[in-house]
PDB file of N, CA and C in Angstrom:
ATOM      1  N   MET A   1     -14.357 117.554  32.592  1.00  0.00           N
ATOM      2  CA  MET A   1     -13.110 118.256  32.475  1.00  0.00           C
ATOM      3  C   MET A   1     -12.303 117.559  31.411  1.00  0.00           C
ATOM      4  N   GLY A   2     -11.898 118.274  30.439  1.00  0.00           N
ATOM      5  CA  GLY A   2     -11.038 117.716  29.416  1.00  0.00           C
ATOM      6  C   GLY A   2      -9.647 118.291  29.568  1.00  0.00           C
ATOM      7  N   ARG A   3      -8.675 117.581  29.057  1.00  0.00           N
ATOM      8  CA  ARG A   3      -7.310 118.096  29.099  1.00  0.00           C
ATOM      9  C   ARG A   3      -6.524 117.490  27.958  1.00  0.00           C
ATOM     10  N   THR A   4      -5.416 118.087  27.629  1.00  0.00           N
ATOM     11  CA  THR A   4      -4.577 117.564  26.565  1.00  0.00           C
ATOM     12  C   THR A   4      -3.260 117.025  27.098  1.00  0.00           C
ATOM     13  N   VAL A   5      -2.857 117.455  28.272  1.00  0.00           N
ATOM     14  CA  VAL A   5      -1.630 116.972  28.900  1.00  0.00           C
ATOM     15  C   VAL A   5      -1.910 116.751  30.380  1.00  0.00           C
ATOM     16  N   PRO A   6      -1.138 115.887  31.043  1.00  0.00           N
ATOM     17  CA  PRO A   6      -1.324 115.728  32.487  1.00  0.00           C
ATOM     18  C   PRO A   6      -1.058 117.046  33.214  1.00  0.00           C
ATOM     19  N   LEU A   7      -1.843 117.308  34.234  1.00  0.00           N
ATOM     20  CA  LEU A   7      -1.640 118.505  35.045  1.00  0.00           C
ATOM     21  C   LEU A   7      -0.609 118.227  36.124  1.00  0.00           C
ATOM     22  N   ARG A   8       0.177 119.241  36.452  1.00  0.00           N
ATOM     23  CA  ARG A   8       1.087 119.121  37.594  1.00  0.00           C
ATOM     24  C   ARG A   8       0.233 118.962  38.848  1.00  0.00           C
ATOM     25  N   PRO A   9       0.737 118.301  39.880  1.00  0.00           N
ATOM     26  CA  PRO A   9      -0.059 118.069  41.091  1.00  0.00           C
ATOM     27  C   PRO A   9      -0.663 119.335  41.687  1.00  0.00           C
ATOM     28  N   ASP A  10       0.086 120.447  41.729  1.00  0.00           N
ATOM     29  CA  ASP A  10      -0.462 121.675  42.304  1.00  0.00           C
ATOM     30  C   ASP A  10      -1.609 122.222  41.456  1.00  0.00           C
ATOM     31  N   ALA A  11      -1.487 122.157  40.141  1.00  0.00           N
ATOM     32  CA  ALA A  11      -2.568 122.616  39.263  1.00  0.00           C
ATOM     33  C   ALA A  11      -3.772 121.692  39.371  1.00  0.00           C
ATOM     34  N   ALA A  12      -3.547 120.386  39.461  1.00  0.00           N
ATOM     35  CA  ALA A  12      -4.644 119.428  39.604  1.00  0.00           C
ATOM     36  C   ALA A  12      -5.430 119.699  40.885  1.00  0.00           C
ATOM     37  N   ARG A  13      -4.755 119.998  41.975  1.00  0.00           N
ATOM     38  CA  ARG A  13      -5.442 120.303  43.237  1.00  0.00           C
ATOM     39  C   ARG A  13      -6.295 121.564  43.106  1.00  0.00           C
ATOM     40  N   ARG A  14      -5.763 122.589  42.430  1.00  0.00           N
ATOM     41  CA  ARG A  14      -6.533 123.836  42.268  1.00  0.00           C
ATOM     42  C   ARG A  14      -7.781 123.603  41.418  1.00  0.00           C
ATOM     43  N   VAL A  15      -7.668 122.817  40.370  1.00  0.00           N
ATOM     44  CA  VAL A  15      -8.829 122.517  39.526  1.00  0.00           C
ATOM     45  C   VAL A  15      -9.835 121.677  40.303  1.00  0.00           C
ATOM     46  N   ALA A  16      -9.349 120.678  41.029  1.00  0.00           N
ATOM     47  CA  ALA A  16     -10.234 119.759  41.758  1.00  0.00           C
ATOM     48  C   ALA A  16     -11.124 120.482  42.763  1.00  0.00           C
ATOM     49  N   GLU A  17     -10.660 121.593  43.314  1.00  0.00           N
ATOM     50  CA  GLU A  17     -11.455 122.367  44.272  1.00  0.00           C
ATOM     51  C   GLU A  17     -12.757 122.872  43.660  1.00  0.00           C
ATOM     52  N   HIS A  18     -12.829 122.960  42.342  1.00  0.00           N
ATOM     53  CA  HIS A  18     -13.996 123.506  41.661  1.00  0.00           C
ATOM     54  C   HIS A  18     -14.894 122.432  41.045  1.00  0.00           C
ATOM     55  N   LEU A  19     -14.599 121.154  41.292  1.00  0.00           N
ATOM     56  CA  LEU A  19     -15.364 120.064  40.696  1.00  0.00           C
ATOM     57  C   LEU A  19     -16.222 119.369  41.734  1.00  0.00           C
ATOM     58  N   THR A  20     -17.393 118.902  41.290  1.00  0.00           N
ATOM     59  CA  THR A  20     -18.307 118.142  42.131  1.00  0.00           C
ATOM     60  C   THR A  20     -18.621 116.841  41.409  1.00  0.00           C
ATOM     61  N   ALA A  21     -18.566 115.737  42.132  1.00  0.00           N
ATOM     62  CA  ALA A  21     -18.846 114.431  41.523  1.00  0.00           C
ATOM     63  C   ALA A  21     -20.251 114.407  40.927  1.00  0.00           C
ATOM     64  N   ALA A  22     -20.401 113.693  39.818  1.00  0.00           N
ATOM     65  CA  ALA A  22     -21.702 113.562  39.149  1.00  0.00           C
ATOM     66  C   ALA A  22     -22.632 112.686  39.981  1.00  0.00           C
ATOM     67  N   ALA A  23     -23.905 112.975  39.903  1.00  0.00           N
ATOM     68  CA  ALA A  23     -24.919 112.159  40.566  1.00  0.00           C
ATOM     69  C   ALA A  23     -25.166 110.903  39.734  1.00  0.00           C
ATOM     70  N   PRO A  24     -25.698 109.859  40.341  1.00  0.00           N
ATOM     71  CA  PRO A  24     -26.045 108.662  39.555  1.00  0.00           C
ATOM     72  C   PRO A  24     -26.972 109.043  38.400  1.00  0.00           C
ATOM     73  N   GLY A  25     -26.813 108.343  37.277  1.00  0.00           N
ATOM     74  CA  GLY A  25     -27.644 108.629  36.117  1.00  0.00           C
ATOM     75  C   GLY A  25     -27.035 109.634  35.160  1.00  0.00           C
ATOM     76  N   HIS A  26     -25.758 109.999  35.360  1.00  0.00           N
ATOM     77  CA  HIS A  26     -25.072 110.923  34.444  1.00  0.00           C
ATOM     78  C   HIS A  26     -25.150 110.339  33.031  1.00  0.00           C
ATOM     79  N   PRO A  27     -25.390 111.166  31.995  1.00  0.00           N
ATOM     80  CA  PRO A  27     -25.540 110.647  30.631  1.00  0.00           C
ATOM     81  C   PRO A  27     -24.321 109.887  30.099  1.00  0.00           C
ATOM     82  N   TRP A  28     -23.139 110.113  30.635  1.00  0.00           N
ATOM     83  CA  TRP A  28     -21.953 109.417  30.145  1.00  0.00           C
ATOM     84  C   TRP A  28     -21.574 108.238  31.040  1.00  0.00           C
ATOM     85  N   GLU A  29     -22.404 107.904  32.000  1.00  0.00           N
ATOM     86  CA  GLU A  29     -22.123 106.788  32.896  1.00  0.00           C
ATOM     87  C   GLU A  29     -21.957 105.505  32.069  1.00  0.00           C
ATOM     88  N   GLY A  30     -20.873 104.781  32.285  1.00  0.00           N
ATOM     89  CA  GLY A  30     -20.613 103.548  31.556  1.00  0.00           C
ATOM     90  C   GLY A  30     -19.896 103.728  30.233  1.00  0.00           C
ATOM     91  N   VAL A  31     -19.652 104.964  29.796  1.00  0.00           N
ATOM     92  CA  VAL A  31     -18.956 105.219  28.535  1.00  0.00           C
ATOM     93  C   VAL A  31     -17.453 105.039  28.761  1.00  0.00           C
ATOM     94  N   ARG A  32     -16.779 104.412  27.800  1.00  0.00           N
ATOM     95  CA  ARG A  32     -15.324 104.238  27.861  1.00  0.00           C
ATOM     96  C   ARG A  32     -14.674 105.318  27.001  1.00  0.00           C
ATOM     97  N   PHE A  33     -13.636 105.916  27.507  1.00  0.00           N
ATOM     98  CA  PHE A  33     -12.912 106.964  26.801  1.00  0.00           C
ATOM     99  C   PHE A  33     -11.545 106.431  26.415  1.00  0.00           C
ATOM    100  N   SER A  34     -11.147 106.629  25.151  1.00  0.00           N
ATOM    101  CA  SER A  34      -9.852 106.116  24.705  1.00  0.00           C
ATOM    102  C   SER A  34      -8.729 107.068  25.095  1.00  0.00           C
ATOM    103  N   ALA A  35      -7.535 106.497  25.254  1.00  0.00           N
ATOM    104  CA  ALA A  35      -6.369 107.272  25.653  1.00  0.00           C
ATOM    105  C   ALA A  35      -5.854 108.159  24.517  1.00  0.00           C
ATOM    106  N   ALA A  36      -6.098 107.761  23.260  1.00  0.00           N
ATOM    107  CA  ALA A  36      -5.651 108.527  22.098  1.00  0.00           C
ATOM    108  C   ALA A  36      -6.471 108.086  20.891  1.00  0.00           C
ATOM    109  N   TRP A  37      -6.470 108.891  19.829  1.00  0.00           N
ATOM    110  CA  TRP A  37      -7.199 108.534  18.626  1.00  0.00           C
ATOM    111  C   TRP A  37      -6.732 107.166  18.132  1.00  0.00           C
ATOM    112  N   GLY A  38      -7.660 106.271  17.884  1.00  0.00           N
ATOM    113  CA  GLY A  38      -7.334 104.956  17.360  1.00  0.00           C
ATOM    114  C   GLY A  38      -6.792 103.982  18.390  1.00  0.00           C
ATOM    115  N   SER A  39      -6.673 104.408  19.626  1.00  0.00           N
ATOM    116  CA  SER A  39      -6.140 103.554  20.683  1.00  0.00           C
ATOM    117  C   SER A  39      -7.245 102.700  21.290  1.00  0.00           C
ATOM    118  N   ARG A  40      -6.880 101.502  21.678  1.00  0.00           N
ATOM    119  CA  ARG A  40      -7.823 100.639  22.399  1.00  0.00           C
ATOM    120  C   ARG A  40      -7.632 100.761  23.907  1.00  0.00           C
ATOM    121  N   ASP A  41      -6.621 101.519  24.323  1.00  0.00           N
ATOM    122  CA  ASP A  41      -6.379 101.739  25.745  1.00  0.00           C
ATOM    123  C   ASP A  41      -7.445 102.687  26.285  1.00  0.00           C
ATOM    124  N   ALA A  42      -8.060 102.310  27.390  1.00  0.00           N
ATOM    125  CA  ALA A  42      -9.121 103.123  27.981  1.00  0.00           C
ATOM    126  C   ALA A  42      -8.575 103.942  29.145  1.00  0.00           C
ATOM    127  N   LEU A  43      -9.136 105.127  29.316  1.00  0.00           N
ATOM    128  CA  LEU A  43      -8.802 105.983  30.450  1.00  0.00           C
ATOM    129  C   LEU A  43      -9.799 105.737  31.570  1.00  0.00           C
ATOM    130  N   ASP A  44      -9.337 105.867  32.793  1.00  0.00           N
ATOM    131  CA  ASP A  44     -10.254 105.872  33.929  1.00  0.00           C
ATOM    132  C   ASP A  44     -10.817 107.281  34.016  1.00  0.00           C
ATOM    133  N   ALA A  45     -12.120 107.411  33.904  1.00  0.00           N
ATOM    134  CA  ALA A  45     -12.754 108.732  33.931  1.00  0.00           C
ATOM    135  C   ALA A  45     -13.528 108.915  35.227  1.00  0.00           C
ATOM    136  N   THR A  46     -13.474 110.115  35.765  1.00  0.00           N
ATOM    137  CA  THR A  46     -14.283 110.492  36.910  1.00  0.00           C
ATOM    138  C   THR A  46     -15.288 111.516  36.409  1.00  0.00           C
ATOM    139  N   LEU A  47     -16.557 111.149  36.411  1.00  0.00           N
ATOM    140  CA  LEU A  47     -17.591 112.052  35.907  1.00  0.00           C
ATOM    141  C   LEU A  47     -17.897 113.116  36.954  1.00  0.00           C
ATOM    142  N   VAL A  48     -18.084 114.336  36.484  1.00  0.00           N
ATOM    143  CA  VAL A  48     -18.379 115.462  37.378  1.00  0.00           C
ATOM    144  C   VAL A  48     -19.638 116.173  36.915  1.00  0.00           C
ATOM    145  N   ARG A  49     -20.212 116.953  37.814  1.00  0.00           N
ATOM    146  CA  ARG A  49     -21.393 117.755  37.494  1.00  0.00           C
ATOM    147  C   ARG A  49     -20.942 118.921  36.637  1.00  0.00           C
ATOM    148  N   PRO A  50     -21.552 119.122  35.457  1.00  0.00           N
ATOM    149  CA  PRO A  50     -21.119 120.192  34.554  1.00  0.00           C
ATOM    150  C   PRO A  50     -21.670 121.553  34.953  1.00  0.00           C
ATOM    151  N   ALA A  51     -21.113 122.129  36.023  1.00  0.00           N
ATOM    152  CA  ALA A  51     -21.599 123.420  36.506  1.00  0.00           C
ATOM    153  C   ALA A  51     -20.672 124.573  36.118  1.00  0.00           C
ATOM    154  N   LEU A  52     -19.452 124.274  35.678  1.00  0.00           N
ATOM    155  CA  LEU A  52     -18.476 125.294  35.368  1.00  0.00           C
ATOM    156  C   LEU A  52     -17.807 124.945  34.045  1.00  0.00           C
ATOM    157  N   VAL A  53     -17.741 125.895  33.125  1.00  0.00           N
ATOM    158  CA  VAL A  53     -17.083 125.671  31.841  1.00  0.00           C
ATOM    159  C   VAL A  53     -16.016 126.737  31.677  1.00  0.00           C
ATOM    160  N   ALA A  54     -14.799 126.304  31.334  1.00  0.00           N
ATOM    161  CA  ALA A  54     -13.704 127.258  31.124  1.00  0.00           C
ATOM    162  C   ALA A  54     -12.842 126.753  29.980  1.00  0.00           C
ATOM    163  N   GLU A  55     -12.214 127.668  29.287  1.00  0.00           N
ATOM    164  CA  GLU A  55     -11.290 127.285  28.212  1.00  0.00           C
ATOM    165  C   GLU A  55      -9.920 127.830  28.499  1.00  0.00           C
TER     166      GLU A  55
END
């Protein structure tokens, strides 16, 4: 799940209902994601199973 701005709590709950945690061995396991372009600050990421794609 990607996003550009933080979701409001009610929207986050609605999205979370459609997500399933990734199984061990996910291809991005151990990858660090930056908070912004050129930033050294890392985000805490929760990997999910890619079963649903929406824009």
